[in-house]
Amino acid sequence: YYQLSIPVGIEWKVAGQGRLQFYVGATLQPSYLLNRNAYVLSTDYSSYTKDPAVFRRWNLQAGTEAFVSYRIGKIRWELGPQIRYQFLSTYKSSYPLGENLVNYGIRLGFSKTIR
């Protein structure tokens, strides 16, 4: 399925001067499910079925991260671990199975300040 999410967050510089710095951050990410044509596990765990009505349209995730930042010229490179947790089940309360997703990842990126 396809999902639209808008992360809103904050990051704090914990340590570092010059090129090398260490940051921690946190986000809240409201999300909206654009389509609900995925398959779900049947209640007897023996097969899959299409039942778009059981998927929750709106959900909320929270994330936290820590990363090292290294500046080369005008580019800031970032690397560090992330974790994200989904507060509500992917499925509505009427569906007998529930899941609250936890995602672990690595932040790898770069940024450039526009002035």
N, C-alpha and C. Protein backbone atom coordinates (compact mmCIF):
# COMPACT_ATOMS: atom_id res chain seq x y z
N TYR A 1 0.83 -1.17 0.00
CA TYR A 1 0.00 0.00 0.00
C TYR A 1 0.88 1.24 0.00
N TYR A 2 0.29 2.36 -0.32
CA TYR A 2 1.01 3.64 -0.36
C TYR A 2 0.53 4.50 0.79
N GLN A 3 1.47 5.19 1.41
CA GLN A 3 1.17 5.98 2.60
C GLN A 3 1.85 7.33 2.47
N LEU A 4 1.16 8.37 2.88
CA LEU A 4 1.70 9.72 2.91
C LEU A 4 1.97 10.08 4.36
N SER A 5 3.19 10.54 4.64
CA SER A 5 3.55 10.86 6.02
C SER A 5 4.27 12.20 6.03
N ILE A 6 3.99 13.00 7.05
CA ILE A 6 4.65 14.30 7.19
C ILE A 6 5.35 14.33 8.55
N PRO A 7 6.66 14.06 8.56
CA PRO A 7 7.39 14.08 9.84
C PRO A 7 7.61 15.51 10.32
N VAL A 8 7.36 15.72 11.59
CA VAL A 8 7.62 17.00 12.24
C VAL A 8 8.54 16.69 13.42
N GLY A 9 9.71 17.31 13.43
CA GLY A 9 10.65 16.92 14.47
C GLY A 9 11.61 18.02 14.86
N ILE A 10 12.52 17.61 15.70
CA ILE A 10 13.53 18.52 16.22
C ILE A 10 14.82 17.74 16.39
N GLU A 11 15.95 18.42 16.21
CA GLU A 11 17.23 17.80 16.49
C GLU A 11 18.08 18.75 17.33
N TRP A 12 18.86 18.15 18.21
CA TRP A 12 19.71 18.91 19.12
C TRP A 12 21.16 18.55 18.88
N LYS A 13 22.00 19.58 18.81
CA LYS A 13 23.44 19.33 18.73
C LYS A 13 23.92 19.08 20.15
N VAL A 14 24.41 17.88 20.40
CA VAL A 14 24.83 17.48 21.74
C VAL A 14 26.30 17.82 21.97
N ALA A 15 27.13 17.62 20.96
CA ALA A 15 28.57 17.86 21.12
C ALA A 15 29.19 18.18 19.78
N GLY A 16 30.33 18.82 19.84
CA GLY A 16 31.12 19.04 18.65
C GLY A 16 31.23 20.49 18.25
N GLN A 17 32.37 20.78 17.68
CA GLN A 17 32.65 22.09 17.11
C GLN A 17 33.31 21.87 15.76
N GLY A 18 33.21 22.82 14.89
CA GLY A 18 33.87 22.69 13.60
C GLY A 18 33.23 21.65 12.71
N ARG A 19 34.05 20.77 12.14
CA ARG A 19 33.58 19.80 11.15
C ARG A 19 32.78 18.64 11.75
N LEU A 20 33.18 18.12 12.90
CA LEU A 20 32.58 16.93 13.48
C LEU A 20 31.62 17.30 14.60
N GLN A 21 30.38 16.82 14.52
CA GLN A 21 29.35 17.12 15.53
C GLN A 21 28.49 15.89 15.77
N PHE A 22 27.84 15.85 16.95
CA PHE A 22 26.96 14.74 17.31
C PHE A 22 25.58 15.30 17.63
N TYR A 23 24.54 14.71 17.04
CA TYR A 23 23.16 15.18 17.19
C TYR A 23 22.27 14.05 17.70
N VAL A 24 21.18 14.41 18.37
CA VAL A 24 20.08 13.51 18.66
C VAL A 24 18.81 14.20 18.17
N GLY A 25 17.81 13.40 17.82
CA GLY A 25 16.59 13.99 17.28
C GLY A 25 15.37 13.14 17.59
N ALA A 26 14.21 13.75 17.43
CA ALA A 26 12.94 13.06 17.65
C ALA A 26 11.91 13.62 16.66
N THR A 27 10.98 12.75 16.23
CA THR A 27 9.94 13.17 15.30
C THR A 27 8.59 12.58 15.68
N LEU A 28 7.54 13.26 15.32
CA LEU A 28 6.18 12.73 15.30
C LEU A 28 5.76 12.74 13.84
N GLN A 29 5.14 11.63 13.39
CA GLN A 29 4.84 11.50 11.97
C GLN A 29 3.40 11.05 11.75
N PRO A 30 2.47 11.98 11.63
CA PRO A 30 1.11 11.57 11.27
C PRO A 30 1.14 11.02 9.84
N SER A 31 0.35 9.98 9.59
CA SER A 31 0.35 9.38 8.25
C SER A 31 -1.07 9.08 7.80
N TYR A 32 -1.24 9.06 6.49
CA TYR A 32 -2.53 8.78 5.87
C TYR A 32 -2.33 7.69 4.82
N LEU A 33 -3.14 6.65 4.86
CA LEU A 33 -3.06 5.54 3.93
C LEU A 33 -3.79 5.93 2.64
N LEU A 34 -3.06 5.98 1.53
CA LEU A 34 -3.64 6.42 0.26
C LEU A 34 -4.48 5.34 -0.42
N ASN A 35 -4.04 4.09 -0.34
CA ASN A 35 -4.82 3.01 -0.93
C ASN A 35 -4.85 1.84 0.04
N ARG A 36 -5.89 1.04 -0.04
CA ARG A 36 -6.03 -0.08 0.90
C ARG A 36 -6.29 -1.37 0.14
N ASN A 37 -5.46 -1.68 -0.84
CA ASN A 37 -5.70 -2.88 -1.63
C ASN A 37 -4.70 -4.00 -1.30
N ALA A 38 -4.15 -4.00 -0.10
CA ALA A 38 -3.23 -5.05 0.32
C ALA A 38 -4.00 -6.25 0.87
N TYR A 39 -3.32 -7.35 0.96
CA TYR A 39 -3.93 -8.57 1.52
C TYR A 39 -3.72 -8.61 3.03
N VAL A 40 -4.67 -9.22 3.74
CA VAL A 40 -4.56 -9.40 5.19
C VAL A 40 -4.66 -10.89 5.51
N LEU A 41 -4.07 -11.27 6.63
CA LEU A 41 -4.09 -12.65 7.08
C LEU A 41 -5.47 -13.00 7.63
N SER A 42 -5.98 -14.15 7.26
CA SER A 42 -7.29 -14.56 7.76
C SER A 42 -7.21 -14.87 9.25
N THR A 43 -8.35 -14.84 9.93
CA THR A 43 -8.36 -15.03 11.39
C THR A 43 -7.93 -16.43 11.81
N ASP A 44 -8.01 -17.43 10.89
CA ASP A 44 -7.53 -18.77 11.23
C ASP A 44 -6.07 -18.99 10.82
N TYR A 45 -5.40 -17.92 10.38
CA TYR A 45 -3.98 -17.92 10.00
C TYR A 45 -3.65 -18.87 8.85
N SER A 46 -4.62 -19.27 8.05
CA SER A 46 -4.37 -20.26 7.01
C SER A 46 -4.32 -19.67 5.60
N SER A 47 -4.78 -18.46 5.41
CA SER A 47 -4.81 -17.89 4.07
C SER A 47 -4.81 -16.36 4.15
N TYR A 48 -4.77 -15.74 2.98
CA TYR A 48 -4.83 -14.29 2.88
C TYR A 48 -6.09 -13.90 2.12
N THR A 49 -6.59 -12.72 2.41
CA THR A 49 -7.78 -12.23 1.73
C THR A 49 -7.67 -10.72 1.56
N LYS A 50 -8.41 -10.19 0.60
CA LYS A 50 -8.47 -8.73 0.43
C LYS A 50 -9.67 -8.22 1.21
N ASP A 51 -9.43 -7.33 2.14
CA ASP A 51 -10.51 -6.71 2.91
C ASP A 51 -10.09 -5.29 3.24
N PRO A 52 -10.25 -4.36 2.30
CA PRO A 52 -9.77 -3.00 2.50
C PRO A 52 -10.41 -2.26 3.68
N ALA A 53 -11.56 -2.70 4.12
CA ALA A 53 -12.25 -2.01 5.20
C ALA A 53 -11.55 -2.16 6.55
N VAL A 54 -10.65 -3.13 6.70
CA VAL A 54 -10.01 -3.34 8.01
C VAL A 54 -8.79 -2.45 8.22
N PHE A 55 -8.30 -1.81 7.16
CA PHE A 55 -7.11 -0.97 7.30
C PHE A 55 -7.46 0.40 7.87
N ARG A 56 -6.68 0.86 8.78
CA ARG A 56 -6.84 2.18 9.40
C ARG A 56 -6.28 3.24 8.45
N ARG A 57 -7.04 4.26 8.14
CA ARG A 57 -6.59 5.34 7.24
C ARG A 57 -5.54 6.24 7.90
N TRP A 58 -5.78 6.66 9.14
CA TRP A 58 -4.88 7.58 9.84
C TRP A 58 -4.10 6.83 10.91
N ASN A 59 -2.83 7.20 11.08
CA ASN A 59 -2.00 6.59 12.10
C ASN A 59 -0.97 7.61 12.57
N LEU A 60 -0.24 7.25 13.61
CA LEU A 60 0.78 8.16 14.16
C LEU A 60 2.01 7.35 14.54
N GLN A 61 3.15 7.79 14.05
CA GLN A 61 4.42 7.18 14.39
C GLN A 61 5.28 8.19 15.13
N ALA A 62 6.22 7.67 15.92
CA ALA A 62 7.21 8.51 16.58
C ALA A 62 8.57 7.92 16.30
N GLY A 63 9.55 8.76 16.14
CA GLY A 63 10.89 8.29 15.84
C GLY A 63 11.93 8.99 16.69
N THR A 64 13.05 8.32 16.87
CA THR A 64 14.18 8.92 17.56
C THR A 64 15.45 8.50 16.82
N GLU A 65 16.46 9.32 16.91
CA GLU A 65 17.69 9.05 16.19
C GLU A 65 18.88 9.71 16.87
N ALA A 66 20.04 9.21 16.56
CA ALA A 66 21.31 9.81 16.98
C ALA A 66 22.24 9.69 15.78
N PHE A 67 22.95 10.74 15.47
CA PHE A 67 23.82 10.66 14.30
C PHE A 67 25.03 11.58 14.44
N VAL A 68 26.07 11.19 13.72
CA VAL A 68 27.29 11.96 13.63
C VAL A 68 27.22 12.77 12.35
N SER A 69 27.62 14.01 12.44
CA SER A 69 27.62 14.90 11.29
C SER A 69 29.07 15.33 11.01
N TYR A 70 29.45 15.27 9.74
CA TYR A 70 30.80 15.69 9.36
C TYR A 70 30.69 16.61 8.15
N ARG A 71 31.23 17.82 8.28
CA ARG A 71 31.11 18.83 7.23
C ARG A 71 32.36 18.80 6.35
N ILE A 72 32.12 18.73 5.03
CA ILE A 72 33.19 18.85 4.03
C ILE A 72 32.77 19.97 3.09
N GLY A 73 33.43 21.09 3.20
CA GLY A 73 33.05 22.26 2.40
C GLY A 73 31.68 22.75 2.85
N LYS A 74 30.74 22.84 1.91
CA LYS A 74 29.38 23.30 2.24
C LYS A 74 28.41 22.13 2.43
N ILE A 75 28.90 20.91 2.33
CA ILE A 75 28.05 19.72 2.46
C ILE A 75 28.24 19.12 3.86
N ARG A 76 27.12 18.78 4.51
CA ARG A 76 27.15 18.14 5.83
C ARG A 76 26.68 16.69 5.67
N TRP A 77 27.56 15.72 5.90
CA TRP A 77 27.24 14.30 5.82
C TRP A 77 26.75 13.82 7.17
N GLU A 78 25.75 12.92 7.18
CA GLU A 78 25.14 12.45 8.43
C GLU A 78 25.02 10.93 8.41
N LEU A 79 25.35 10.29 9.55
CA LEU A 79 25.27 8.85 9.66
C LEU A 79 24.94 8.46 11.10
N GLY A 80 23.93 7.58 11.27
CA GLY A 80 23.59 7.12 12.61
C GLY A 80 22.32 6.27 12.63
N PRO A 81 22.04 5.62 13.76
CA PRO A 81 20.87 4.75 13.88
C PRO A 81 19.57 5.52 14.10
N GLN A 82 18.45 4.90 13.66
CA GLN A 82 17.11 5.45 13.86
C GLN A 82 16.19 4.33 14.33
N ILE A 83 15.15 4.70 15.06
CA ILE A 83 14.08 3.76 15.42
C ILE A 83 12.75 4.50 15.30
N ARG A 84 11.74 3.80 14.79
CA ARG A 84 10.41 4.40 14.62
C ARG A 84 9.37 3.41 15.12
N TYR A 85 8.37 3.91 15.85
CA TYR A 85 7.32 3.08 16.43
C TYR A 85 5.96 3.59 15.98
N GLN A 86 5.07 2.68 15.60
CA GLN A 86 3.71 3.03 15.18
C GLN A 86 2.76 2.85 16.36
N PHE A 87 2.10 3.92 16.79
CA PHE A 87 1.26 3.89 17.99
C PHE A 87 0.00 3.05 17.84
N LEU A 88 -0.69 3.17 16.72
CA LEU A 88 -1.94 2.44 16.51
C LEU A 88 -1.68 1.24 15.60
N SER A 89 -2.51 0.22 15.73
CA SER A 89 -2.40 -0.94 14.86
C SER A 89 -2.66 -0.54 13.41
N THR A 90 -2.07 -1.25 12.48
CA THR A 90 -2.33 -1.02 11.06
C THR A 90 -3.80 -1.26 10.74
N TYR A 91 -4.42 -2.15 11.52
CA TYR A 91 -5.81 -2.54 11.29
C TYR A 91 -6.74 -1.85 12.29
N LYS A 92 -7.99 -1.70 11.90
CA LYS A 92 -9.00 -1.13 12.78
C LYS A 92 -9.26 -2.06 13.95
N SER A 93 -9.88 -1.54 15.00
CA SER A 93 -10.16 -2.32 16.21
C SER A 93 -11.09 -3.51 15.94
N SER A 94 -11.90 -3.44 14.91
CA SER A 94 -12.82 -4.53 14.60
C SER A 94 -12.10 -5.78 14.08
N TYR A 95 -10.88 -5.63 13.58
CA TYR A 95 -10.12 -6.78 13.10
C TYR A 95 -9.46 -7.47 14.29
N PRO A 96 -9.55 -8.79 14.40
CA PRO A 96 -9.07 -9.48 15.61
C PRO A 96 -7.56 -9.48 15.81
N LEU A 97 -6.79 -9.24 14.76
CA LEU A 97 -5.33 -9.20 14.90
C LEU A 97 -4.87 -7.76 14.97
N GLY A 98 -3.81 -7.51 15.73
CA GLY A 98 -3.26 -6.17 15.82
C GLY A 98 -1.76 -6.20 15.63
N GLU A 99 -1.24 -5.12 15.13
CA GLU A 99 0.21 -5.00 14.99
C GLU A 99 0.60 -3.55 15.20
N ASN A 100 1.67 -3.35 15.92
CA ASN A 100 2.25 -2.02 16.08
C ASN A 100 3.69 -2.14 15.57
N LEU A 101 3.92 -1.57 14.41
CA LEU A 101 5.20 -1.75 13.73
C LEU A 101 6.32 -1.01 14.43
N VAL A 102 7.49 -1.62 14.44
CA VAL A 102 8.72 -1.01 14.92
C VAL A 102 9.73 -1.12 13.78
N ASN A 103 10.31 -0.01 13.38
CA ASN A 103 11.29 0.00 12.30
C ASN A 103 12.64 0.45 12.84
N TYR A 104 13.67 -0.27 12.50
CA TYR A 104 15.04 0.10 12.84
C TYR A 104 15.75 0.44 11.55
N GLY A 105 16.54 1.47 11.56
CA GLY A 105 17.22 1.86 10.33
C GLY A 105 18.49 2.63 10.57
N ILE A 106 19.10 2.99 9.48
CA ILE A 106 20.33 3.79 9.49
C ILE A 106 20.07 5.07 8.72
N ARG A 107 20.40 6.17 9.33
CA ARG A 107 20.31 7.46 8.64
C ARG A 107 21.63 7.68 7.91
N LEU A 108 21.54 7.84 6.62
CA LEU A 108 22.69 8.15 5.79
C LEU A 108 22.25 9.23 4.84
N GLY A 109 22.85 10.38 4.95
CA GLY A 109 22.41 11.47 4.09
C GLY A 109 23.37 12.62 4.08
N PHE A 110 22.99 13.63 3.35
CA PHE A 110 23.77 14.86 3.31
C PHE A 110 22.82 16.03 3.18
N SER A 111 23.29 17.18 3.61
CA SER A 111 22.49 18.39 3.50
C SER A 111 23.40 19.57 3.17
N LYS A 112 22.78 20.58 2.59
CA LYS A 112 23.50 21.79 2.23
C LYS A 112 22.63 22.97 2.62
N THR A 113 23.17 23.88 3.37
CA THR A 113 22.45 25.08 3.77
C THR A 113 22.37 26.05 2.60
N ILE A 114 21.17 26.53 2.34
CA ILE A 114 20.97 27.51 1.26
C ILE A 114 20.96 28.90 1.89
N ARG A 115 21.85 29.73 1.43
CA ARG A 115 21.93 31.09 2.00
C ARG A 115 21.91 32.11 0.92
